[in-house]
Amino acid sequence: MKHILFGALLLCTTFAQAQSLTLPTTGGSPKATVGERIGLTDVSIVYGRPAVNGRAGKIWGQLVHYGFKELDYGISKAAPWRAGANENTVFTTSTNLNVEGKTLPAGQ
């Protein structure tokens, strides 16, 4: 009887933990996170990187341009490739930053 109760408890615990587990979606680009402490400030960047899957020669320099490129839509000007396949890139800091004389508030 003790073994049956222990097995049932273990099974319930496994199901409870599995419900909070978030699995990656298929077909999307892999997520990446880069972080560093610079002085007293923690900086992190969360972005989606292109899933190259053996297509490096067809992706870099062709599908994904190097440097600046006229994107040919809207009122765009020449723009760099954006880091963030499928989702926006999130840049987070733990303290205010001063960038070229302007304050970038802490947070996202």
PDB file of N, CA and C in Angstrom:
ATOM      1  N   MET A   1       0.822  -1.193   0.000  1.00  0.00           N
ATOM      2  CA  MET A   1       0.000   0.000   0.000  1.00  0.00           C
ATOM      3  C   MET A   1       0.870   1.262   0.000  1.00  0.00           C
ATOM      4  N   LYS A   2       1.984   1.229   0.757  1.00  0.00           N
ATOM      5  CA  LYS A   2       2.873   2.380   0.798  1.00  0.00           C
ATOM      6  C   LYS A   2       3.457   2.663  -0.583  1.00  0.00           C
ATOM      7  N   HIS A   3       3.798   1.611  -1.324  1.00  0.00           N
ATOM      8  CA  HIS A   3       4.380   1.774  -2.657  1.00  0.00           C
ATOM      9  C   HIS A   3       3.376   2.404  -3.624  1.00  0.00           C
ATOM     10  N   ILE A   4       2.123   2.034  -3.492  1.00  0.00           N
ATOM     11  CA  ILE A   4       1.086   2.593  -4.366  1.00  0.00           C
ATOM     12  C   ILE A   4       0.897   4.080  -4.063  1.00  0.00           C
ATOM     13  N   LEU A   5       0.843   4.442  -2.778  1.00  0.00           N
ATOM     14  CA  LEU A   5       0.700   5.849  -2.401  1.00  0.00           C
ATOM     15  C   LEU A   5       1.901   6.678  -2.842  1.00  0.00           C
ATOM     16  N   PHE A   6       3.105   6.100  -2.669  1.00  0.00           N
ATOM     17  CA  PHE A   6       4.313   6.806  -3.099  1.00  0.00           C
ATOM     18  C   PHE A   6       4.312   7.008  -4.611  1.00  0.00           C
ATOM     19  N   GLY A   7       3.924   5.990  -5.367  1.00  0.00           N
ATOM     20  CA  GLY A   7       3.850   6.086  -6.833  1.00  0.00           C
ATOM     21  C   GLY A   7       2.837   7.132  -7.269  1.00  0.00           C
ATOM     22  N   ALA A   8       1.676   7.169  -6.612  1.00  0.00           N
ATOM     23  CA  ALA A   8       0.644   8.150  -6.949  1.00  0.00           C
ATOM     24  C   ALA A   8       1.133   9.564  -6.643  1.00  0.00           C
ATOM     25  N   LEU A   9       1.807   9.741  -5.518  1.00  0.00           N
ATOM     26  CA  LEU A   9       2.355  11.042  -5.147  1.00  0.00           C
ATOM     27  C   LEU A   9       3.415  11.491  -6.146  1.00  0.00           C
ATOM     28  N   LEU A  10       4.281  10.574  -6.539  1.00  0.00           N
ATOM     29  CA  LEU A  10       5.323  10.888  -7.518  1.00  0.00           C
ATOM     30  C   LEU A  10       4.710  11.278  -8.864  1.00  0.00           C
ATOM     31  N   LEU A  11       3.685  10.567  -9.276  1.00  0.00           N
ATOM     32  CA  LEU A  11       3.012  10.842 -10.539  1.00  0.00           C
ATOM     33  C   LEU A  11       2.334  12.209 -10.507  1.00  0.00           C
ATOM     34  N   CYS A  12       1.663  12.538  -9.409  1.00  0.00           N
ATOM     35  CA  CYS A  12       1.006  13.845  -9.274  1.00  0.00           C
ATOM     36  C   CYS A  12       2.031  14.978  -9.281  1.00  0.00           C
ATOM     37  N   THR A  13       3.162  14.768  -8.609  1.00  0.00           N
ATOM     38  CA  THR A  13       4.218  15.784  -8.583  1.00  0.00           C
ATOM     39  C   THR A  13       4.779  16.008  -9.979  1.00  0.00           C
ATOM     40  N   THR A  14       4.970  14.938 -10.724  1.00  0.00           N
ATOM     41  CA  THR A  14       5.487  15.048 -12.091  1.00  0.00           C
ATOM     42  C   THR A  14       4.528  15.833 -12.962  1.00  0.00           C
ATOM     43  N   PHE A  15       3.229  15.558 -12.886  1.00  0.00           N
ATOM     44  CA  PHE A  15       2.246  16.290 -13.676  1.00  0.00           C
ATOM     45  C   PHE A  15       2.197  17.760 -13.269  1.00  0.00           C
ATOM     46  N   ALA A  16       2.308  18.049 -11.987  1.00  0.00           N
ATOM     47  CA  ALA A  16       2.264  19.434 -11.519  1.00  0.00           C
ATOM     48  C   ALA A  16       3.459  20.216 -12.047  1.00  0.00           C
ATOM     49  N   GLN A  17       4.638  19.592 -12.073  1.00  0.00           N
ATOM     50  CA  GLN A  17       5.826  20.262 -12.590  1.00  0.00           C
ATOM     51  C   GLN A  17       5.747  20.430 -14.096  1.00  0.00           C
ATOM     52  N   ALA A  18       5.207  19.459 -14.807  1.00  0.00           N
ATOM     53  CA  ALA A  18       5.120  19.521 -16.260  1.00  0.00           C
ATOM     54  C   ALA A  18       4.190  20.636 -16.720  1.00  0.00           C
ATOM     55  N   GLN A  19       3.205  20.998 -15.924  1.00  0.00           N
ATOM     56  CA  GLN A  19       2.280  22.052 -16.307  1.00  0.00           C
ATOM     57  C   GLN A  19       2.950  23.417 -16.330  1.00  0.00           C
ATOM     58  N   SER A  20       3.996  23.624 -15.524  1.00  0.00           N
ATOM     59  CA  SER A  20       4.672  24.917 -15.496  1.00  0.00           C
ATOM     60  C   SER A  20       5.849  24.976 -16.471  1.00  0.00           C
ATOM     61  N   LEU A  21       6.130  23.889 -17.146  1.00  0.00           N
ATOM     62  CA  LEU A  21       7.237  23.828 -18.091  1.00  0.00           C
ATOM     63  C   LEU A  21       6.820  24.427 -19.429  1.00  0.00           C
ATOM     64  N   THR A  22       7.589  25.396 -19.931  1.00  0.00           N
ATOM     65  CA  THR A  22       7.308  26.011 -21.218  1.00  0.00           C
ATOM     66  C   THR A  22       8.309  25.472 -22.231  1.00  0.00           C
ATOM     67  N   LEU A  23       7.823  24.739 -23.210  1.00  0.00           N
ATOM     68  CA  LEU A  23       8.685  24.179 -24.231  1.00  0.00           C
ATOM     69  C   LEU A  23       8.830  25.154 -25.387  1.00  0.00           C
ATOM     70  N   PRO A  24       9.986  25.140 -26.061  1.00  0.00           N
ATOM     71  CA  PRO A  24      10.145  26.035 -27.210  1.00  0.00           C
ATOM     72  C   PRO A  24       9.211  25.634 -28.337  1.00  0.00           C
ATOM     73  N   THR A  25       8.772  26.625 -29.100  1.00  0.00           N
ATOM     74  CA  THR A  25       7.901  26.338 -30.229  1.00  0.00           C
ATOM     75  C   THR A  25       8.741  25.838 -31.395  1.00  0.00           C
ATOM     76  N   THR A  26       8.155  25.038 -32.236  1.00  0.00           N
ATOM     77  CA  THR A  26       8.877  24.544 -33.392  1.00  0.00           C
ATOM     78  C   THR A  26       8.706  25.508 -34.552  1.00  0.00           C
ATOM     79  N   GLY A  27       9.668  25.548 -35.409  1.00  0.00           N
ATOM     80  CA  GLY A  27       9.578  26.368 -36.598  1.00  0.00           C
ATOM     81  C   GLY A  27      10.065  27.787 -36.430  1.00  0.00           C
ATOM     82  N   GLY A  28      10.234  28.257 -35.208  1.00  0.00           N
ATOM     83  CA  GLY A  28      10.700  29.618 -34.987  1.00  0.00           C
ATOM     84  C   GLY A  28      12.208  29.670 -34.882  1.00  0.00           C
ATOM     85  N   SER A  29      12.706  30.869 -34.773  1.00  0.00           N
ATOM     86  CA  SER A  29      14.141  31.055 -34.612  1.00  0.00           C
ATOM     87  C   SER A  29      14.530  30.842 -33.156  1.00  0.00           C
ATOM     88  N   PRO A  30      15.729  30.310 -32.914  1.00  0.00           N
ATOM     89  CA  PRO A  30      16.169  30.075 -31.540  1.00  0.00           C
ATOM     90  C   PRO A  30      16.344  31.387 -30.783  1.00  0.00           C
ATOM     91  N   LYS A  31      16.011  31.362 -29.502  1.00  0.00           N
ATOM     92  CA  LYS A  31      16.204  32.538 -28.654  1.00  0.00           C
ATOM     93  C   LYS A  31      17.623  32.517 -28.107  1.00  0.00           C
ATOM     94  N   ALA A  32      18.163  33.707 -27.885  1.00  0.00           N
ATOM     95  CA  ALA A  32      19.487  33.837 -27.299  1.00  0.00           C
ATOM     96  C   ALA A  32      19.464  34.975 -26.290  1.00  0.00           C
ATOM     97  N   THR A  33      20.309  34.872 -25.282  1.00  0.00           N
ATOM     98  CA  THR A  33      20.432  35.906 -24.264  1.00  0.00           C
ATOM     99  C   THR A  33      21.912  36.186 -24.026  1.00  0.00           C
ATOM    100  N   VAL A  34      22.245  37.463 -23.988  1.00  0.00           N
ATOM    101  CA  VAL A  34      23.610  37.880 -23.690  1.00  0.00           C
ATOM    102  C   VAL A  34      23.518  38.871 -22.544  1.00  0.00           C
ATOM    103  N   GLY A  35      24.362  38.711 -21.540  1.00  0.00           N
ATOM    104  CA  GLY A  35      24.351  39.631 -20.408  1.00  0.00           C
ATOM    105  C   GLY A  35      25.754  39.885 -19.895  1.00  0.00           C
ATOM    106  N   GLU A  36      25.922  41.042 -19.291  1.00  0.00           N
ATOM    107  CA  GLU A  36      27.238  41.414 -18.768  1.00  0.00           C
ATOM    108  C   GLU A  36      27.040  42.458 -17.681  1.00  0.00           C
ATOM    109  N   ARG A  37      27.892  42.425 -16.671  1.00  0.00           N
ATOM    110  CA  ARG A  37      27.916  43.496 -15.677  1.00  0.00           C
ATOM    111  C   ARG A  37      29.030  44.445 -16.087  1.00  0.00           C
ATOM    112  N   ILE A  38      28.671  45.702 -16.292  1.00  0.00           N
ATOM    113  CA  ILE A  38      29.634  46.733 -16.679  1.00  0.00           C
ATOM    114  C   ILE A  38      29.649  47.749 -15.551  1.00  0.00           C
ATOM    115  N   GLY A  39      30.718  47.761 -14.785  1.00  0.00           N
ATOM    116  CA  GLY A  39      30.774  48.623 -13.594  1.00  0.00           C
ATOM    117  C   GLY A  39      29.718  48.167 -12.604  1.00  0.00           C
ATOM    118  N   LEU A  40      28.758  49.039 -12.312  1.00  0.00           N
ATOM    119  CA  LEU A  40      27.668  48.708 -11.387  1.00  0.00           C
ATOM    120  C   LEU A  40      26.377  48.365 -12.120  1.00  0.00           C
ATOM    121  N   THR A  41      26.422  48.313 -13.450  1.00  0.00           N
ATOM    122  CA  THR A  41      25.214  48.138 -14.251  1.00  0.00           C
ATOM    123  C   THR A  41      25.162  46.753 -14.880  1.00  0.00           C
ATOM    124  N   ASP A  42      24.018  46.089 -14.714  1.00  0.00           N
ATOM    125  CA  ASP A  42      23.769  44.820 -15.401  1.00  0.00           C
ATOM    126  C   ASP A  42      23.057  45.124 -16.706  1.00  0.00           C
ATOM    127  N   VAL A  43      23.594  44.616 -17.803  1.00  0.00           N
ATOM    128  CA  VAL A  43      23.021  44.825 -19.130  1.00  0.00           C
ATOM    129  C   VAL A  43      22.686  43.459 -19.702  1.00  0.00           C
ATOM    130  N   SER A  44      21.482  43.329 -20.271  1.00  0.00           N
ATOM    131  CA  SER A  44      21.129  42.066 -20.931  1.00  0.00           C
ATOM    132  C   SER A  44      20.410  42.351 -22.240  1.00  0.00           C
ATOM    133  N   ILE A  45      20.626  41.477 -23.195  1.00  0.00           N
ATOM    134  CA  ILE A  45      19.972  41.564 -24.497  1.00  0.00           C
ATOM    135  C   ILE A  45      19.371  40.192 -24.782  1.00  0.00           C
ATOM    136  N   VAL A  46      18.059  40.155 -25.025  1.00  0.00           N
ATOM    137  CA  VAL A  46      17.351  38.917 -25.375  1.00  0.00           C
ATOM    138  C   VAL A  46      16.877  39.090 -26.813  1.00  0.00           C
ATOM    139  N   TYR A  47      17.234  38.156 -27.668  1.00  0.00           N
ATOM    140  CA  TYR A  47      16.904  38.304 -29.083  1.00  0.00           C
ATOM    141  C   TYR A  47      16.674  36.937 -29.726  1.00  0.00           C
ATOM    142  N   GLY A  48      16.042  36.949 -30.875  1.00  0.00           N
ATOM    143  CA  GLY A  48      15.887  35.743 -31.660  1.00  0.00           C
ATOM    144  C   GLY A  48      16.952  35.733 -32.738  1.00  0.00           C
ATOM    145  N   ARG A  49      17.634  34.623 -32.900  1.00  0.00           N
ATOM    146  CA  ARG A  49      18.663  34.552 -33.936  1.00  0.00           C
ATOM    147  C   ARG A  49      18.167  33.663 -35.067  1.00  0.00           C
ATOM    148  N   PRO A  50      18.504  33.976 -36.268  1.00  0.00           N
ATOM    149  CA  PRO A  50      17.996  33.191 -37.396  1.00  0.00           C
ATOM    150  C   PRO A  50      18.404  31.723 -37.313  1.00  0.00           C
ATOM    151  N   ALA A  51      17.470  30.851 -37.606  1.00  0.00           N
ATOM    152  CA  ALA A  51      17.759  29.415 -37.665  1.00  0.00           C
ATOM    153  C   ALA A  51      18.396  29.130 -39.029  1.00  0.00           C
ATOM    154  N   VAL A  52      19.704  29.033 -39.071  1.00  0.00           N
ATOM    155  CA  VAL A  52      20.428  28.878 -40.327  1.00  0.00           C
ATOM    156  C   VAL A  52      20.295  27.460 -40.872  1.00  0.00           C
ATOM    157  N   ASN A  53      20.347  26.472 -40.006  1.00  0.00           N
ATOM    158  CA  ASN A  53      20.138  25.065 -40.378  1.00  0.00           C
ATOM    159  C   ASN A  53      20.914  24.631 -41.621  1.00  0.00           C
ATOM    160  N   GLY A  54      22.217  24.874 -41.658  1.00  0.00           N
ATOM    161  CA  GLY A  54      23.038  24.433 -42.774  1.00  0.00           C
ATOM    162  C   GLY A  54      22.930  25.295 -44.021  1.00  0.00           C
ATOM    163  N   ARG A  55      22.231  26.425 -43.947  1.00  0.00           N
ATOM    164  CA  ARG A  55      22.042  27.296 -45.111  1.00  0.00           C
ATOM    165  C   ARG A  55      22.884  28.557 -45.013  1.00  0.00           C
ATOM    166  N   ALA A  56      24.035  28.486 -44.360  1.00  0.00           N
ATOM    167  CA  ALA A  56      24.841  29.691 -44.111  1.00  0.00           C
ATOM    168  C   ALA A  56      25.142  30.459 -45.389  1.00  0.00           C
ATOM    169  N   GLY A  57      25.470  29.785 -46.486  1.00  0.00           N
ATOM    170  CA  GLY A  57      25.780  30.461 -47.742  1.00  0.00           C
ATOM    171  C   GLY A  57      24.586  31.179 -48.345  1.00  0.00           C
ATOM    172  N   LYS A  58      23.376  30.696 -48.047  1.00  0.00           N
ATOM    173  CA  LYS A  58      22.167  31.318 -48.592  1.00  0.00           C
ATOM    174  C   LYS A  58      21.598  32.384 -47.660  1.00  0.00           C
ATOM    175  N   ILE A  59      21.966  32.339 -46.390  1.00  0.00           N
ATOM    176  CA  ILE A  59      21.410  33.264 -45.403  1.00  0.00           C
ATOM    177  C   ILE A  59      22.266  34.528 -45.310  1.00  0.00           C
ATOM    178  N   TRP A  60      23.508  34.378 -44.855  1.00  0.00           N
ATOM    179  CA  TRP A  60      24.371  35.533 -44.585  1.00  0.00           C
ATOM    180  C   TRP A  60      24.876  36.135 -45.888  1.00  0.00           C
ATOM    181  N   GLY A  61      24.585  37.397 -46.095  1.00  0.00           N
ATOM    182  CA  GLY A  61      25.017  38.115 -47.283  1.00  0.00           C
ATOM    183  C   GLY A  61      23.985  38.082 -48.404  1.00  0.00           C
ATOM    184  N   GLN A  62      23.008  37.194 -48.332  1.00  0.00           N
ATOM    185  CA  GLN A  62      21.950  37.150 -49.339  1.00  0.00           C
ATOM    186  C   GLN A  62      20.615  37.496 -48.677  1.00  0.00           C
ATOM    187  N   LEU A  63      20.033  36.545 -47.947  1.00  0.00           N
ATOM    188  CA  LEU A  63      18.768  36.807 -47.257  1.00  0.00           C
ATOM    189  C   LEU A  63      18.962  37.846 -46.155  1.00  0.00           C
ATOM    190  N   VAL A  64      20.008  37.697 -45.372  1.00  0.00           N
ATOM    191  CA  VAL A  64      20.356  38.649 -44.321  1.00  0.00           C
ATOM    192  C   VAL A  64      21.531  39.466 -44.834  1.00  0.00           C
ATOM    193  N   HIS A  65      21.299  40.758 -45.061  1.00  0.00           N
ATOM    194  CA  HIS A  65      22.328  41.601 -45.664  1.00  0.00           C
ATOM    195  C   HIS A  65      23.403  41.994 -44.662  1.00  0.00           C
ATOM    196  N   TYR A  66      24.569  42.308 -45.189  1.00  0.00           N
ATOM    197  CA  TYR A  66      25.664  42.858 -44.392  1.00  0.00           C
ATOM    198  C   TYR A  66      25.574  44.375 -44.445  1.00  0.00           C
ATOM    199  N   GLY A  67      25.904  45.049 -43.347  1.00  0.00           N
ATOM    200  CA  GLY A  67      25.925  46.505 -43.337  1.00  0.00           C
ATOM    201  C   GLY A  67      24.545  47.109 -43.530  1.00  0.00           C
ATOM    202  N   PHE A  68      24.487  48.264 -44.174  1.00  0.00           N
ATOM    203  CA  PHE A  68      23.233  48.991 -44.388  1.00  0.00           C
ATOM    204  C   PHE A  68      22.655  48.657 -45.759  1.00  0.00           C
ATOM    205  N   LYS A  69      21.315  48.632 -45.835  1.00  0.00           N
ATOM    206  CA  LYS A  69      20.650  48.321 -47.091  1.00  0.00           C
ATOM    207  C   LYS A  69      19.327  49.087 -47.159  1.00  0.00           C
ATOM    208  N   GLU A  70      18.975  49.581 -48.339  1.00  0.00           N
ATOM    209  CA  GLU A  70      17.666  50.190 -48.558  1.00  0.00           C
ATOM    210  C   GLU A  70      16.642  49.063 -48.552  1.00  0.00           C
ATOM    211  N   LEU A  71      15.657  49.151 -47.676  1.00  0.00           N
ATOM    212  CA  LEU A  71      14.713  48.048 -47.485  1.00  0.00           C
ATOM    213  C   LEU A  71      13.531  48.088 -48.446  1.00  0.00           C
ATOM    214  N   ASP A  72      13.370  49.180 -49.183  1.00  0.00           N
ATOM    215  CA  ASP A  72      12.353  49.277 -50.233  1.00  0.00           C
ATOM    216  C   ASP A  72      10.915  49.134 -49.766  1.00  0.00           C
ATOM    217  N   TYR A  73      10.590  49.633 -48.585  1.00  0.00           N
ATOM    218  CA  TYR A  73       9.192  49.690 -48.170  1.00  0.00           C
ATOM    219  C   TYR A  73       9.002  50.862 -47.215  1.00  0.00           C
ATOM    220  N   GLY A  74       7.799  51.393 -47.208  1.00  0.00           N
ATOM    221  CA  GLY A  74       7.484  52.523 -46.343  1.00  0.00           C
ATOM    222  C   GLY A  74       8.369  53.718 -46.665  1.00  0.00           C
ATOM    223  N   ILE A  75       8.734  54.444 -45.636  1.00  0.00           N
ATOM    224  CA  ILE A  75       9.601  55.613 -45.809  1.00  0.00           C
ATOM    225  C   ILE A  75      11.010  55.290 -45.324  1.00  0.00           C
ATOM    226  N   SER A  76      11.399  54.016 -45.453  1.00  0.00           N
ATOM    227  CA  SER A  76      12.673  53.569 -44.903  1.00  0.00           C
ATOM    228  C   SER A  76      13.863  54.194 -45.604  1.00  0.00           C
ATOM    229  N   LYS A  77      14.892  54.335 -44.854  1.00  0.00           N
ATOM    230  CA  LYS A  77      16.205  54.728 -45.350  1.00  0.00           C
ATOM    231  C   LYS A  77      17.086  53.485 -45.251  1.00  0.00           C
ATOM    232  N   ALA A  78      18.319  53.609 -45.667  1.00  0.00           N
ATOM    233  CA  ALA A  78      19.246  52.482 -45.538  1.00  0.00           C
ATOM    234  C   ALA A  78      19.326  52.088 -44.062  1.00  0.00           C
ATOM    235  N   ALA A  79      19.161  50.801 -43.773  1.00  0.00           N
ATOM    236  CA  ALA A  79      19.103  50.329 -42.396  1.00  0.00           C
ATOM    237  C   ALA A  79      19.948  49.076 -42.226  1.00  0.00           C
ATOM    238  N   PRO A  80      20.476  48.868 -41.015  1.00  0.00           N
ATOM    239  CA  PRO A  80      21.230  47.637 -40.756  1.00  0.00           C
ATOM    240  C   PRO A  80      20.272  46.475 -40.540  1.00  0.00           C
ATOM    241  N   TRP A  81      20.791  45.271 -40.646  1.00  0.00           N
ATOM    242  CA  TRP A  81      19.998  44.090 -40.307  1.00  0.00           C
ATOM    243  C   TRP A  81      19.674  44.167 -38.831  1.00  0.00           C
ATOM    244  N   ARG A  82      18.445  43.859 -38.489  1.00  0.00           N
ATOM    245  CA  ARG A  82      18.058  43.925 -37.078  1.00  0.00           C
ATOM    246  C   ARG A  82      18.330  42.592 -36.391  1.00  0.00           C
ATOM    247  N   ALA A  83      18.839  42.656 -35.189  1.00  0.00           N
ATOM    248  CA  ALA A  83      19.021  41.444 -34.396  1.00  0.00           C
ATOM    249  C   ALA A  83      17.675  41.132 -33.769  1.00  0.00           C
ATOM    250  N   GLY A  84      17.023  40.094 -34.189  1.00  0.00           N
ATOM    251  CA  GLY A  84      15.735  39.750 -33.614  1.00  0.00           C
ATOM    252  C   GLY A  84      14.855  39.055 -34.624  1.00  0.00           C
ATOM    253  N   ALA A  85      15.162  37.835 -34.959  1.00  0.00           N
ATOM    254  CA  ALA A  85      14.345  37.085 -35.900  1.00  0.00           C
ATOM    255  C   ALA A  85      13.033  36.713 -35.214  1.00  0.00           C
ATOM    256  N   ASN A  86      11.910  37.061 -35.820  1.00  0.00           N
ATOM    257  CA  ASN A  86      10.552  36.746 -35.378  1.00  0.00           C
ATOM    258  C   ASN A  86      10.044  37.556 -34.193  1.00  0.00           C
ATOM    259  N   GLU A  87      10.896  38.141 -33.392  1.00  0.00           N
ATOM    260  CA  GLU A  87      10.449  38.912 -32.236  1.00  0.00           C
ATOM    261  C   GLU A  87      11.349  40.118 -32.046  1.00  0.00           C
ATOM    262  N   ASN A  88      10.844  41.117 -31.334  1.00  0.00           N
ATOM    263  CA  ASN A  88      11.651  42.293 -31.032  1.00  0.00           C
ATOM    264  C   ASN A  88      12.787  41.931 -30.097  1.00  0.00           C
ATOM    265  N   THR A  89      13.895  42.616 -30.257  1.00  0.00           N
ATOM    266  CA  THR A  89      15.026  42.471 -29.349  1.00  0.00           C
ATOM    267  C   THR A  89      14.720  43.283 -28.093  1.00  0.00           C
ATOM    268  N   VAL A  90      15.038  42.731 -26.916  1.00  0.00           N
ATOM    269  CA  VAL A  90      14.795  43.419 -25.646  1.00  0.00           C
ATOM    270  C   VAL A  90      16.138  43.730 -24.996  1.00  0.00           C
ATOM    271  N   PHE A  91      16.387  45.011 -24.764  1.00  0.00           N
ATOM    272  CA  PHE A  91      17.606  45.511 -24.139  1.00  0.00           C
ATOM    273  C   PHE A  91      17.233  46.003 -22.756  1.00  0.00           C
ATOM    274  N   THR A  92      17.866  45.470 -21.710  1.00  0.00           N
ATOM    275  CA  THR A  92      17.517  45.815 -20.334  1.00  0.00           C
ATOM    276  C   THR A  92      18.763  46.252 -19.577  1.00  0.00           C
ATOM    277  N   THR A  93      18.634  47.321 -18.777  1.00  0.00           N
ATOM    278  CA  THR A  93      19.730  47.764 -17.914  1.00  0.00           C
ATOM    279  C   THR A  93      19.219  47.910 -16.484  1.00  0.00           C
ATOM    280  N   SER A  94      20.113  47.738 -15.525  1.00  0.00           N
ATOM    281  CA  SER A  94      19.716  47.843 -14.118  1.00  0.00           C
ATOM    282  C   SER A  94      19.828  49.268 -13.585  1.00  0.00           C
ATOM    283  N   THR A  95      20.552  50.136 -14.281  1.00  0.00           N
ATOM    284  CA  THR A  95      20.676  51.541 -13.877  1.00  0.00           C
ATOM    285  C   THR A  95      20.528  52.421 -15.110  1.00  0.00           C
ATOM    286  N   ASN A  96      20.309  53.711 -14.882  1.00  0.00           N
ATOM    287  CA  ASN A  96      20.263  54.656 -16.003  1.00  0.00           C
ATOM    288  C   ASN A  96      21.613  54.685 -16.704  1.00  0.00           C
ATOM    289  N   LEU A  97      21.584  54.864 -18.036  1.00  0.00           N
ATOM    290  CA  LEU A  97      22.814  54.974 -18.813  1.00  0.00           C
ATOM    291  C   LEU A  97      22.861  56.342 -19.475  1.00  0.00           C
ATOM    292  N   ASN A  98      24.057  56.836 -19.753  1.00  0.00           N
ATOM    293  CA  ASN A  98      24.236  58.067 -20.496  1.00  0.00           C
ATOM    294  C   ASN A  98      24.833  57.678 -21.844  1.00  0.00           C
ATOM    295  N   VAL A  99      24.060  57.852 -22.925  1.00  0.00           N
ATOM    296  CA  VAL A  99      24.502  57.485 -24.263  1.00  0.00           C
ATOM    297  C   VAL A  99      24.517  58.746 -25.125  1.00  0.00           C
ATOM    298  N   GLU A 100      25.705  59.152 -25.546  1.00  0.00           N
ATOM    299  CA  GLU A 100      25.885  60.359 -26.369  1.00  0.00           C
ATOM    300  C   GLU A 100      25.165  61.568 -25.770  1.00  0.00           C
ATOM    301  N   GLY A 101      25.308  61.738 -24.467  1.00  0.00           N
ATOM    302  CA  GLY A 101      24.730  62.903 -23.799  1.00  0.00           C
ATOM    303  C   GLY A 101      23.254  62.794 -23.456  1.00  0.00           C
ATOM    304  N   LYS A 102      22.620  61.676 -23.788  1.00  0.00           N
ATOM    305  CA  LYS A 102      21.199  61.494 -23.481  1.00  0.00           C
ATOM    306  C   LYS A 102      21.044  60.361 -22.461  1.00  0.00           C
ATOM    307  N   THR A 103      20.091  60.517 -21.560  1.00  0.00           N
ATOM    308  CA  THR A 103      19.850  59.511 -20.529  1.00  0.00           C
ATOM    309  C   THR A 103      18.938  58.415 -21.056  1.00  0.00           C
ATOM    310  N   LEU A 104      19.390  57.189 -20.920  1.00  0.00           N
ATOM    311  CA  LEU A 104      18.590  56.009 -21.225  1.00  0.00           C
ATOM    312  C   LEU A 104      18.164  55.431 -19.882  1.00  0.00           C
ATOM    313  N   PRO A 105      16.859  55.527 -19.530  1.00  0.00           N
ATOM    314  CA  PRO A 105      16.421  55.075 -18.209  1.00  0.00           C
ATOM    315  C   PRO A 105      16.622  53.569 -18.019  1.00  0.00           C
ATOM    316  N   ALA A 106      16.827  53.189 -16.765  1.00  0.00           N
ATOM    317  CA  ALA A 106      16.956  51.778 -16.427  1.00  0.00           C
ATOM    318  C   ALA A 106      15.679  51.037 -16.803  1.00  0.00           C
ATOM    319  N   GLY A 107      15.812  49.766 -17.063  1.00  0.00           N
ATOM    320  CA  GLY A 107      14.667  48.940 -17.425  1.00  0.00           C
ATOM    321  C   GLY A 107      14.748  48.555 -18.879  1.00  0.00           C
ATOM    322  N   GLN A 108      13.579  48.262 -19.468  1.00  0.00           N
ATOM    323  CA  GLN A 108      13.526  47.829 -20.861  1.00  0.00           C
ATOM    324  C   GLN A 108      13.277  48.997 -21.781  1.00  0.00           C
TER     325      GLN A 108
END
